[in-house]
Amino acid sequence: MRIPKILILATVFFSGCNSNTQPVENLYSLPEGYQLENVSKVKLLEELKEISGIFWKEDFIWAVDDEYGDLFQIDPKSGEIKTRVKFGKDQDYEDLAILGDTAWVLQSNGDLHRVTNFLQNDPQTEVFEFSQKGKKDFETLVQKPGQNSLLIICKNCEWDKKGESSVFEFDLTTEAFKENPVQTLKFDEVAGMESVFSDQKPTMEPSASAIHPLTGDLFILSSAGKWLLVTSPTFSPKSVHALDPKLFEQPEGISFDPNGNLFISNEGQNKKPNLLSFPISR
């Protein structure tokens, strides 16, 4: 691990907040084991223009779109939609996690939709409401590493201070949210390091997260801030990486296959939506 680079990059995440930030071009990077130049891009169909969350399962990418209450099964090599399963009303769905044969879908208001039998194209959906009052917007859902619970991370929640994102836990055993945040991500936890950004400081606003299958680390993605944060399973920061907006136009989904190959999906803005894949280096 190249400690000096990690120390420099860490400030991208923990030093401030501004959505107009532009990273220094020569400091665009990916975490150790992945190279920006070693990328495959697959165009996705128009139905996935608003692709907002992805999850790898058994050689396919499953996805949700923030316009439709559908689960999409996608061939990661061709971008072809193999299966489309209706699980709920058309609402603002933001992320996806699949545990065994059960899909969990995050709505932007924090509600979780449990979808069973979706693999048999006979979905049964139950909604678990997030009861915290106030203005809130969530885009990130991930299983708590090593635990029987799910985590949702605020993108914009009125109770968070500037430069912070609170993390809430849903216990899969009790099928209930814990009342208070179990963690708060903060920009200023690592201070005084040289920023890789050329002018002002990056915004928080996490948009997706995934667990690395080989290390157990959390990879937390931000479309608004154009960064990728790597933390330990307990949210201790390891490295932060500025993302090239030419490649990562609107990155809203992240996942891994069991071998550690990395997948990131881009919503379609002025271009077609796409799926980026980065093979892991051995």
C-alpha atoms as a PDB file:
ATOM      1  CA  MET A   1       0.000   0.000   0.000  1.00  0.00           C
ATOM      2  CA  ARG A   2       1.404   3.392  -1.030  1.00  0.00           C
ATOM      3  CA  ILE A   3       1.007   5.361   2.157  1.00  0.00           C
ATOM      4  CA  PRO A   4       1.935   8.839   0.860  1.00  0.00           C
ATOM      5  CA  LYS A   5      -0.718   8.724  -1.858  1.00  0.00           C
ATOM      6  CA  ILE A   6      -3.356   7.503   0.552  1.00  0.00           C
ATOM      7  CA  LEU A   7      -2.553  10.292   2.979  1.00  0.00           C
ATOM      8  CA  ILE A   8      -2.882  12.889   0.263  1.00  0.00           C
ATOM      9  CA  LEU A   9      -6.097  11.419  -1.101  1.00  0.00           C
ATOM     10  CA  ALA A  10      -7.757  11.091   2.274  1.00  0.00           C
ATOM     11  CA  THR A  11      -8.458  14.794   2.425  1.00  0.00           C
ATOM     12  CA  VAL A  12     -10.776  14.555  -0.591  1.00  0.00           C
ATOM     13  CA  PHE A  13     -13.374  12.995   1.651  1.00  0.00           C
ATOM     14  CA  PHE A  14     -12.674  14.523   5.022  1.00  0.00           C
ATOM     15  CA  SER A  15     -11.830  18.168   4.416  1.00  0.00           C
ATOM     16  CA  GLY A  16     -14.992  19.967   3.339  1.00  0.00           C
ATOM     17  CA  CYS A  17     -18.015  20.371   1.129  1.00  0.00           C
ATOM     18  CA  ASN A  18     -18.738  21.980  -2.260  1.00  0.00           C
ATOM     19  CA  SER A  19     -20.485  20.406  -5.239  1.00  0.00           C
ATOM     20  CA  ASN A  20     -18.540  22.483  -7.798  1.00  0.00           C
ATOM     21  CA  THR A  21     -15.188  21.012  -6.834  1.00  0.00           C
ATOM     22  CA  GLN A  22     -12.783  19.971  -9.593  1.00  0.00           C
ATOM     23  CA  PRO A  23     -10.089  17.399  -8.745  1.00  0.00           C
ATOM     24  CA  VAL A  24      -6.549  17.774 -10.016  1.00  0.00           C
ATOM     25  CA  GLU A  25      -6.565  15.686 -13.190  1.00  0.00           C
ATOM     26  CA  ASN A  26      -3.327  13.790 -12.563  1.00  0.00           C
ATOM     27  CA  LEU A  27      -4.635  12.605  -9.203  1.00  0.00           C
ATOM     28  CA  TYR A  28      -7.626  10.712 -10.588  1.00  0.00           C
ATOM     29  CA  SER A  29      -7.278   7.183  -9.286  1.00  0.00           C
ATOM     30  CA  LEU A  30      -8.920   3.994  -8.108  1.00  0.00           C
ATOM     31  CA  PRO A  31      -8.177   1.938  -4.993  1.00  0.00           C
ATOM     32  CA  GLU A  32      -5.249  -0.435  -4.900  1.00  0.00           C
ATOM     33  CA  GLY A  33      -5.806  -3.386  -7.227  1.00  0.00           C
ATOM     34  CA  TYR A  34      -7.669  -1.422  -9.920  1.00  0.00           C
ATOM     35  CA  GLN A  35      -6.477   0.772 -12.805  1.00  0.00           C
ATOM     36  CA  LEU A  36      -8.427   3.487 -14.607  1.00  0.00           C
ATOM     37  CA  GLU A  37      -6.913   2.490 -17.929  1.00  0.00           C
ATOM     38  CA  ASN A  38      -8.029  -1.131 -17.509  1.00  0.00           C
ATOM     39  CA  VAL A  39     -11.749  -0.560 -17.930  1.00  0.00           C
ATOM     40  CA  SER A  40     -14.523  -2.068 -20.030  1.00  0.00           C
ATOM     41  CA  LYS A  41     -17.617  -0.006 -20.801  1.00  0.00           C
ATOM     42  CA  VAL A  42     -20.932  -1.569 -21.775  1.00  0.00           C
ATOM     43  CA  LYS A  43     -23.808   0.601 -22.941  1.00  0.00           C
ATOM     44  CA  LEU A  44     -27.149  -0.050 -21.277  1.00  0.00           C
ATOM     45  CA  LEU A  45     -30.643   0.231 -22.714  1.00  0.00           C
ATOM     46  CA  GLU A  46     -32.829   3.325 -22.444  1.00  0.00           C
ATOM     47  CA  GLU A  47     -34.974   1.630 -19.780  1.00  0.00           C
ATOM     48  CA  LEU A  48     -31.960   1.955 -17.484  1.00  0.00           C
ATOM     49  CA  LYS A  49     -31.327   5.647 -18.094  1.00  0.00           C
ATOM     50  CA  GLU A  50     -31.997   6.274 -14.396  1.00  0.00           C
ATOM     51  CA  ILE A  51     -30.122   3.204 -13.115  1.00  0.00           C
ATOM     52  CA  SER A  52     -29.548   3.886  -9.446  1.00  0.00           C
ATOM     53  CA  GLY A  53     -28.321   0.725  -7.731  1.00  0.00           C
ATOM     54  CA  ILE A  54     -26.655  -2.540  -8.756  1.00  0.00           C
ATOM     55  CA  PHE A  55     -25.799  -5.876  -7.164  1.00  0.00           C
ATOM     56  CA  TRP A  56     -23.906  -8.868  -8.572  1.00  0.00           C
ATOM     57  CA  LYS A  57     -25.581 -12.267  -8.253  1.00  0.00           C
ATOM     58  CA  GLU A  58     -24.670 -15.490 -10.050  1.00  0.00           C
ATOM     59  CA  ASP A  59     -22.992 -14.051 -13.156  1.00  0.00           C
ATOM     60  CA  PHE A  60     -25.527 -11.266 -13.644  1.00  0.00           C
ATOM     61  CA  ILE A  61     -25.943  -7.693 -12.487  1.00  0.00           C
ATOM     62  CA  TRP A  62     -29.282  -6.943 -10.865  1.00  0.00           C
ATOM     63  CA  ALA A  63     -30.343  -3.302 -10.889  1.00  0.00           C
ATOM     64  CA  VAL A  64     -33.014  -0.866  -9.806  1.00  0.00           C
ATOM     65  CA  ASP A  65     -33.998   2.294 -11.625  1.00  0.00           C
ATOM     66  CA  ASP A  66     -35.239   5.337  -9.758  1.00  0.00           C
ATOM     67  CA  GLU A  67     -38.255   5.675 -12.046  1.00  0.00           C
ATOM     68  CA  TYR A  68     -39.663   2.134 -12.043  1.00  0.00           C
ATOM     69  CA  GLY A  69     -40.623  -0.372  -9.360  1.00  0.00           C
ATOM     70  CA  ASP A  70     -38.777  -3.076 -11.262  1.00  0.00           C
ATOM     71  CA  LEU A  71     -35.774  -5.309 -10.733  1.00  0.00           C
ATOM     72  CA  PHE A  72     -33.640  -5.723 -13.854  1.00  0.00           C
ATOM     73  CA  GLN A  73     -31.340  -8.683 -14.508  1.00  0.00           C
ATOM     74  CA  ILE A  74     -28.539  -7.513 -16.804  1.00  0.00           C
ATOM     75  CA  ASP A  75     -25.886  -9.413 -18.743  1.00  0.00           C
ATOM     76  CA  PRO A  76     -22.701  -7.565 -17.683  1.00  0.00           C
ATOM     77  CA  LYS A  77     -20.947  -8.422 -20.950  1.00  0.00           C
ATOM     78  CA  SER A  78     -23.611  -7.226 -23.383  1.00  0.00           C
ATOM     79  CA  GLY A  79     -25.820  -4.917 -21.319  1.00  0.00           C
ATOM     80  CA  GLU A  80     -28.867  -6.918 -22.401  1.00  0.00           C
ATOM     81  CA  ILE A  81     -31.809  -7.038 -19.996  1.00  0.00           C
ATOM     82  CA  LYS A  82     -32.443 -10.744 -19.384  1.00  0.00           C
ATOM     83  CA  THR A  83     -35.301 -10.429 -16.889  1.00  0.00           C
ATOM     84  CA  ARG A  84     -37.511  -7.616 -15.628  1.00  0.00           C
ATOM     85  CA  VAL A  85     -39.507  -8.211 -12.451  1.00  0.00           C
ATOM     86  CA  LYS A  86     -42.178  -5.812 -11.180  1.00  0.00           C
ATOM     87  CA  PHE A  87     -41.986  -5.578  -7.375  1.00  0.00           C
ATOM     88  CA  GLY A  88     -43.731  -2.305  -6.510  1.00  0.00           C
ATOM     89  CA  LYS A  89     -45.202   1.005  -7.568  1.00  0.00           C
ATOM     90  CA  ASP A  90     -43.128   3.401  -9.642  1.00  0.00           C
ATOM     91  CA  GLN A  91     -41.316   5.455  -7.002  1.00  0.00           C
ATOM     92  CA  ASP A  92     -37.866   6.835  -6.270  1.00  0.00           C
ATOM     93  CA  TYR A  93     -35.780   3.704  -5.632  1.00  0.00           C
ATOM     94  CA  GLU A  94     -32.087   4.282  -5.039  1.00  0.00           C
ATOM     95  CA  ASP A  95     -30.132   1.150  -4.119  1.00  0.00           C
ATOM     96  CA  LEU A  96     -30.255  -2.620  -3.945  1.00  0.00           C
ATOM     97  CA  ALA A  97     -28.830  -5.453  -1.850  1.00  0.00           C
ATOM     98  CA  ILE A  98     -29.494  -9.155  -2.386  1.00  0.00           C
ATOM     99  CA  LEU A  99     -29.104 -11.552   0.529  1.00  0.00           C
ATOM    100  CA  GLY A 100     -29.664 -15.143  -0.515  1.00  0.00           C
ATOM    101  CA  ASP A 101     -32.910 -15.228  -2.474  1.00  0.00           C
ATOM    102  CA  THR A 102     -34.221 -11.969  -1.017  1.00  0.00           C
ATOM    103  CA  ALA A 103     -33.789  -8.532  -2.560  1.00  0.00           C
ATOM    104  CA  TRP A 104     -33.819  -5.409  -0.415  1.00  0.00           C
ATOM    105  CA  VAL A 105     -34.571  -2.144  -2.194  1.00  0.00           C
ATOM    106  CA  LEU A 106     -33.988   1.297  -0.677  1.00  0.00           C
ATOM    107  CA  GLN A 107     -36.473   4.075  -1.348  1.00  0.00           C
ATOM    108  CA  SER A 108     -35.154   7.629  -1.165  1.00  0.00           C
ATOM    109  CA  ASN A 109     -37.215   8.349   1.982  1.00  0.00           C
ATOM    110  CA  GLY A 110     -35.404   5.551   3.852  1.00  0.00           C
ATOM    111  CA  ASP A 111     -38.099   2.882   3.517  1.00  0.00           C
ATOM    112  CA  LEU A 112     -36.866  -0.637   2.777  1.00  0.00           C
ATOM    113  CA  HIS A 113     -38.740  -2.967   0.426  1.00  0.00           C
ATOM    114  CA  ARG A 114     -38.163  -6.672   1.014  1.00  0.00           C
ATOM    115  CA  VAL A 115     -38.775  -8.633  -2.184  1.00  0.00           C
ATOM    116  CA  THR A 116     -38.980 -12.426  -1.968  1.00  0.00           C
ATOM    117  CA  ASN A 117     -39.502 -14.938  -4.802  1.00  0.00           C
ATOM    118  CA  PHE A 118     -38.175 -12.447  -7.349  1.00  0.00           C
ATOM    119  CA  LEU A 119     -35.913 -15.120  -8.843  1.00  0.00           C
ATOM    120  CA  GLN A 120     -39.052 -17.123  -9.652  1.00  0.00           C
ATOM    121  CA  ASN A 121     -40.668 -14.013 -11.170  1.00  0.00           C
ATOM    122  CA  ASP A 122     -43.362 -14.175  -8.494  1.00  0.00           C
ATOM    123  CA  PRO A 123     -42.308 -11.277  -6.251  1.00  0.00           C
ATOM    124  CA  GLN A 124     -43.821 -10.755  -2.815  1.00  0.00           C
ATOM    125  CA  THR A 125     -43.032  -7.325  -1.388  1.00  0.00           C
ATOM    126  CA  GLU A 126     -43.204  -6.007   2.166  1.00  0.00           C
ATOM    127  CA  VAL A 127     -42.306  -2.435   3.121  1.00  0.00           C
ATOM    128  CA  PHE A 128     -40.495  -1.460   6.336  1.00  0.00           C
ATOM    129  CA  GLU A 129     -40.924   2.240   6.995  1.00  0.00           C
ATOM    130  CA  PHE A 130     -38.115   4.503   8.150  1.00  0.00           C
ATOM    131  CA  SER A 131     -39.821   6.503  10.869  1.00  0.00           C
ATOM    132  CA  GLN A 132     -37.313   9.316  11.486  1.00  0.00           C
ATOM    133  CA  LYS A 133     -39.141  12.594  10.900  1.00  0.00           C
ATOM    134  CA  GLY A 134     -37.786  15.474   8.871  1.00  0.00           C
ATOM    135  CA  LYS A 135     -36.455  16.122   5.392  1.00  0.00           C
ATOM    136  CA  LYS A 136     -34.305  13.217   4.261  1.00  0.00           C
ATOM    137  CA  ASP A 137     -32.792  11.677   1.161  1.00  0.00           C
ATOM    138  CA  PHE A 138     -31.060   8.286   1.066  1.00  0.00           C
ATOM    139  CA  GLU A 139     -29.234   6.651  -1.845  1.00  0.00           C
ATOM    140  CA  THR A 140     -26.944   4.106  -0.167  1.00  0.00           C
ATOM    141  CA  LEU A 141     -27.815   0.610   1.070  1.00  0.00           C
ATOM    142  CA  VAL A 142     -25.292  -2.046   2.093  1.00  0.00           C
ATOM    143  CA  GLN A 143     -25.138  -5.047   4.378  1.00  0.00           C
ATOM    144  CA  LYS A 144     -23.294  -4.334   7.610  1.00  0.00           C
ATOM    145  CA  PRO A 145     -20.032  -6.280   7.256  1.00  0.00           C
ATOM    146  CA  GLY A 146     -20.206  -9.564   9.142  1.00  0.00           C
ATOM    147  CA  GLN A 147     -23.595  -8.747  10.668  1.00  0.00           C
ATOM    148  CA  ASN A 148     -27.216  -9.713  10.077  1.00  0.00           C
ATOM    149  CA  SER A 149     -28.280  -6.158   9.379  1.00  0.00           C
ATOM    150  CA  LEU A 150     -28.437  -3.521   6.665  1.00  0.00           C
ATOM    151  CA  LEU A 151     -27.066   0.014   6.684  1.00  0.00           C
ATOM    152  CA  ILE A 152     -28.539   3.052   4.946  1.00  0.00           C
ATOM    153  CA  ILE A 153     -26.494   6.240   4.612  1.00  0.00           C
ATOM    154  CA  CYS A 154     -27.915   9.745   4.357  1.00  0.00           C
ATOM    155  CA  LYS A 155     -27.256  11.710   1.215  1.00  0.00           C
ATOM    156  CA  ASN A 156     -29.043  14.816   2.474  1.00  0.00           C
ATOM    157  CA  CYS A 157     -30.761  14.674   5.872  1.00  0.00           C
ATOM    158  CA  GLU A 158     -31.806  17.783   7.770  1.00  0.00           C
ATOM    159  CA  TRP A 159     -30.441  16.555  11.098  1.00  0.00           C
ATOM    160  CA  ASP A 160     -26.901  16.155   9.726  1.00  0.00           C
ATOM    161  CA  LYS A 161     -24.399  18.966  10.072  1.00  0.00           C
ATOM    162  CA  LYS A 162     -22.557  20.276   7.047  1.00  0.00           C
ATOM    163  CA  GLY A 163     -20.014  17.735   5.846  1.00  0.00           C
ATOM    164  CA  GLU A 164     -21.640  14.815   7.674  1.00  0.00           C
ATOM    165  CA  SER A 165     -23.734  11.797   6.707  1.00  0.00           C
ATOM    166  CA  SER A 166     -25.472   9.728   9.351  1.00  0.00           C
ATOM    167  CA  VAL A 167     -25.742   5.945   9.077  1.00  0.00           C
ATOM    168  CA  PHE A 168     -28.799   4.005  10.235  1.00  0.00           C
ATOM    169  CA  GLU A 169     -29.074   0.263  10.859  1.00  0.00           C
ATOM    170  CA  PHE A 170     -31.928  -2.105  10.046  1.00  0.00           C
ATOM    171  CA  ASP A 171     -31.773  -5.310  12.106  1.00  0.00           C
ATOM    172  CA  LEU A 172     -32.758  -8.280   9.945  1.00  0.00           C
ATOM    173  CA  THR A 173     -33.570 -10.398  13.000  1.00  0.00           C
ATOM    174  CA  THR A 174     -36.002  -7.983  14.627  1.00  0.00           C
ATOM    175  CA  GLU A 175     -37.016  -6.486  11.262  1.00  0.00           C
ATOM    176  CA  ALA A 176     -36.783  -2.978  12.662  1.00  0.00           C
ATOM    177  CA  PHE A 177     -34.625   0.131  12.365  1.00  0.00           C
ATOM    178  CA  LYS A 178     -32.516   1.198  15.310  1.00  0.00           C
ATOM    179  CA  GLU A 179     -33.797   4.558  16.485  1.00  0.00           C
ATOM    180  CA  ASN A 180     -30.541   6.522  16.431  1.00  0.00           C
ATOM    181  CA  PRO A 181     -27.672   6.626  13.926  1.00  0.00           C
ATOM    182  CA  VAL A 182     -25.053   3.952  14.543  1.00  0.00           C
ATOM    183  CA  GLN A 183     -22.321   5.957  12.804  1.00  0.00           C
ATOM    184  CA  THR A 184     -21.702   9.373  11.288  1.00  0.00           C
ATOM    185  CA  LEU A 185     -19.343   9.903   8.384  1.00  0.00           C
ATOM    186  CA  LYS A 186     -17.486  13.200   8.824  1.00  0.00           C
ATOM    187  CA  PHE A 187     -15.247  15.162   6.505  1.00  0.00           C
ATOM    188  CA  ASP A 188     -13.143  16.592   9.313  1.00  0.00           C
ATOM    189  CA  GLU A 189     -12.103  13.308  10.946  1.00  0.00           C
ATOM    190  CA  VAL A 190      -8.838  13.463   9.025  1.00  0.00           C
ATOM    191  CA  ALA A 191      -7.666  17.063   8.929  1.00  0.00           C
ATOM    192  CA  GLY A 192      -4.593  18.977   7.777  1.00  0.00           C
ATOM    193  CA  MET A 193      -3.712  16.954   4.698  1.00  0.00           C
ATOM    194  CA  GLU A 194      -3.080  18.449   1.290  1.00  0.00           C
ATOM    195  CA  SER A 195      -6.207  18.292  -0.870  1.00  0.00           C
ATOM    196  CA  VAL A 196      -6.185  16.687  -4.298  1.00  0.00           C
ATOM    197  CA  PHE A 197      -8.835  19.152  -5.395  1.00  0.00           C
ATOM    198  CA  SER A 198      -7.743  22.166  -7.388  1.00  0.00           C
ATOM    199  CA  ASP A 199     -10.005  24.825  -5.888  1.00  0.00           C
ATOM    200  CA  GLN A 200     -12.630  24.147  -3.256  1.00  0.00           C
ATOM    201  CA  LYS A 201     -13.593  21.149  -1.193  1.00  0.00           C
ATOM    202  CA  PRO A 202     -15.789  18.208  -2.209  1.00  0.00           C
ATOM    203  CA  THR A 203     -19.359  17.524  -1.285  1.00  0.00           C
ATOM    204  CA  MET A 204     -20.378  14.546   0.874  1.00  0.00           C
ATOM    205  CA  GLU A 205     -23.604  13.019  -0.552  1.00  0.00           C
ATOM    206  CA  PRO A 206     -22.889   9.248  -0.780  1.00  0.00           C
ATOM    207  CA  SER A 207     -24.744   7.554  -3.639  1.00  0.00           C
ATOM    208  CA  ALA A 208     -23.872   3.841  -3.280  1.00  0.00           C
ATOM    209  CA  SER A 209     -21.746   1.362  -1.353  1.00  0.00           C
ATOM    210  CA  ALA A 210     -20.511  -2.224  -1.613  1.00  0.00           C
ATOM    211  CA  ILE A 211     -18.418  -4.655   0.422  1.00  0.00           C
ATOM    212  CA  HIS A 212     -15.189  -5.885  -1.162  1.00  0.00           C
ATOM    213  CA  PRO A 213     -15.518  -9.692  -1.096  1.00  0.00           C
ATOM    214  CA  LEU A 214     -11.811 -10.341  -0.486  1.00  0.00           C
ATOM    215  CA  THR A 215     -10.947  -7.674   2.088  1.00  0.00           C
ATOM    216  CA  GLY A 216     -14.277  -6.891   3.732  1.00  0.00           C
ATOM    217  CA  ASP A 217     -13.627  -3.181   3.177  1.00  0.00           C
ATOM    218  CA  LEU A 218     -16.464  -0.805   2.360  1.00  0.00           C
ATOM    219  CA  PHE A 219     -16.312   1.066  -0.946  1.00  0.00           C
ATOM    220  CA  ILE A 220     -18.508   4.184  -0.694  1.00  0.00           C
ATOM    221  CA  LEU A 221     -19.256   6.094  -3.894  1.00  0.00           C
ATOM    222  CA  SER A 222     -20.375   9.698  -4.404  1.00  0.00           C
ATOM    223  CA  SER A 223     -21.770  10.872  -7.725  1.00  0.00           C
ATOM    224  CA  ALA A 224     -22.120  14.501  -6.623  1.00  0.00           C
ATOM    225  CA  GLY A 225     -18.615  14.730  -5.180  1.00  0.00           C
ATOM    226  CA  LYS A 226     -16.979  12.425  -7.765  1.00  0.00           C
ATOM    227  CA  TRP A 227     -15.067  10.415  -5.174  1.00  0.00           C
ATOM    228  CA  LEU A 228     -14.687   6.820  -4.016  1.00  0.00           C
ATOM    229  CA  LEU A 229     -13.938   6.213  -0.340  1.00  0.00           C
ATOM    230  CA  VAL A 230     -12.494   2.981   1.052  1.00  0.00           C
ATOM    231  CA  THR A 231     -13.012   2.259   4.742  1.00  0.00           C
ATOM    232  CA  SER A 232     -12.571  -0.647   7.085  1.00  0.00           C
ATOM    233  CA  PRO A 233     -15.725  -2.591   8.044  1.00  0.00           C
ATOM    234  CA  THR A 234     -16.022  -0.210  11.020  1.00  0.00           C
ATOM    235  CA  PHE A 235     -15.834   2.922   8.802  1.00  0.00           C
ATOM    236  CA  SER A 236     -12.206   3.771   9.564  1.00  0.00           C
ATOM    237  CA  PRO A 237     -10.981   5.588   6.412  1.00  0.00           C
ATOM    238  CA  LYS A 238      -8.233   3.952   4.382  1.00  0.00           C
ATOM    239  CA  SER A 239      -8.134   5.943   1.143  1.00  0.00           C
ATOM    240  CA  VAL A 240     -10.173   8.361  -0.941  1.00  0.00           C
ATOM    241  CA  HIS A 241      -9.968   8.666  -4.702  1.00  0.00           C
ATOM    242  CA  ALA A 242     -11.030  11.503  -6.998  1.00  0.00           C
ATOM    243  CA  LEU A 243     -12.950  10.173 -10.007  1.00  0.00           C
ATOM    244  CA  ASP A 244     -12.617  11.442 -13.566  1.00  0.00           C
ATOM    245  CA  PRO A 245     -16.007  12.974 -14.508  1.00  0.00           C
ATOM    246  CA  LYS A 246     -15.400  12.110 -18.165  1.00  0.00           C
ATOM    247  CA  LEU A 247     -15.560   8.414 -17.261  1.00  0.00           C
ATOM    248  CA  PHE A 248     -17.733   8.631 -14.172  1.00  0.00           C
ATOM    249  CA  GLU A 249     -20.374  11.004 -15.534  1.00  0.00           C
ATOM    250  CA  GLN A 250     -23.040  10.110 -12.968  1.00  0.00           C
ATOM    251  CA  PRO A 251     -21.922   7.056 -10.961  1.00  0.00           C
ATOM    252  CA  GLU A 252     -24.887   5.832  -8.915  1.00  0.00           C
ATOM    253  CA  GLY A 253     -24.256   2.094  -8.441  1.00  0.00           C
ATOM    254  CA  ILE A 254     -21.354  -0.080  -7.284  1.00  0.00           C
ATOM    255  CA  SER A 255     -20.871  -3.822  -6.802  1.00  0.00           C
ATOM    256  CA  PHE A 256     -18.310  -6.634  -6.903  1.00  0.00           C
ATOM    257  CA  ASP A 257     -18.348 -10.168  -8.206  1.00  0.00           C
ATOM    258  CA  PRO A 258     -17.012 -12.893  -5.856  1.00  0.00           C
ATOM    259  CA  ASN A 259     -13.507 -12.582  -7.354  1.00  0.00           C
ATOM    260  CA  GLY A 260     -13.246  -8.891  -6.508  1.00  0.00           C
ATOM    261  CA  ASN A 261     -13.853  -7.457  -9.972  1.00  0.00           C
ATOM    262  CA  LEU A 262     -15.400  -4.000  -9.622  1.00  0.00           C
ATOM    263  CA  PHE A 263     -18.538  -2.721 -11.364  1.00  0.00           C
ATOM    264  CA  ILE A 264     -19.810   0.866 -11.383  1.00  0.00           C
ATOM    265  CA  SER A 265     -22.946   2.024 -13.197  1.00  0.00           C
ATOM    266  CA  ASN A 266     -23.525   5.493 -14.646  1.00  0.00           C
ATOM    267  CA  GLU A 267     -26.948   7.001 -15.118  1.00  0.00           C
ATOM    268  CA  GLY A 268     -27.546   8.430 -18.575  1.00  0.00           C
ATOM    269  CA  GLN A 269     -27.396  12.219 -18.629  1.00  0.00           C
ATOM    270  CA  ASN A 270     -26.487  13.430 -22.105  1.00  0.00           C
ATOM    271  CA  LYS A 271     -25.227   9.976 -23.019  1.00  0.00           C
ATOM    272  CA  LYS A 272     -26.530   6.445 -22.736  1.00  0.00           C
ATOM    273  CA  PRO A 273     -26.333   4.798 -19.317  1.00  0.00           C
ATOM    274  CA  ASN A 274     -23.408   2.432 -19.007  1.00  0.00           C
ATOM    275  CA  LEU A 275     -21.765  -0.207 -16.867  1.00  0.00           C
ATOM    276  CA  LEU A 276     -18.040   0.081 -16.157  1.00  0.00           C
ATOM    277  CA  SER A 277     -16.035  -2.969 -15.116  1.00  0.00           C
ATOM    278  CA  PHE A 278     -12.536  -2.989 -13.648  1.00  0.00           C
ATOM    279  CA  PRO A 279     -10.795  -6.367 -13.265  1.00  0.00           C
ATOM    280  CA  ILE A 280      -8.854  -6.823 -10.072  1.00  0.00           C
ATOM    281  CA  SER A 281      -5.076  -7.076 -10.402  1.00  0.00           C
ATOM    282  CA  ARG A 282      -3.483 -10.092  -8.771  1.00  0.00           C
END
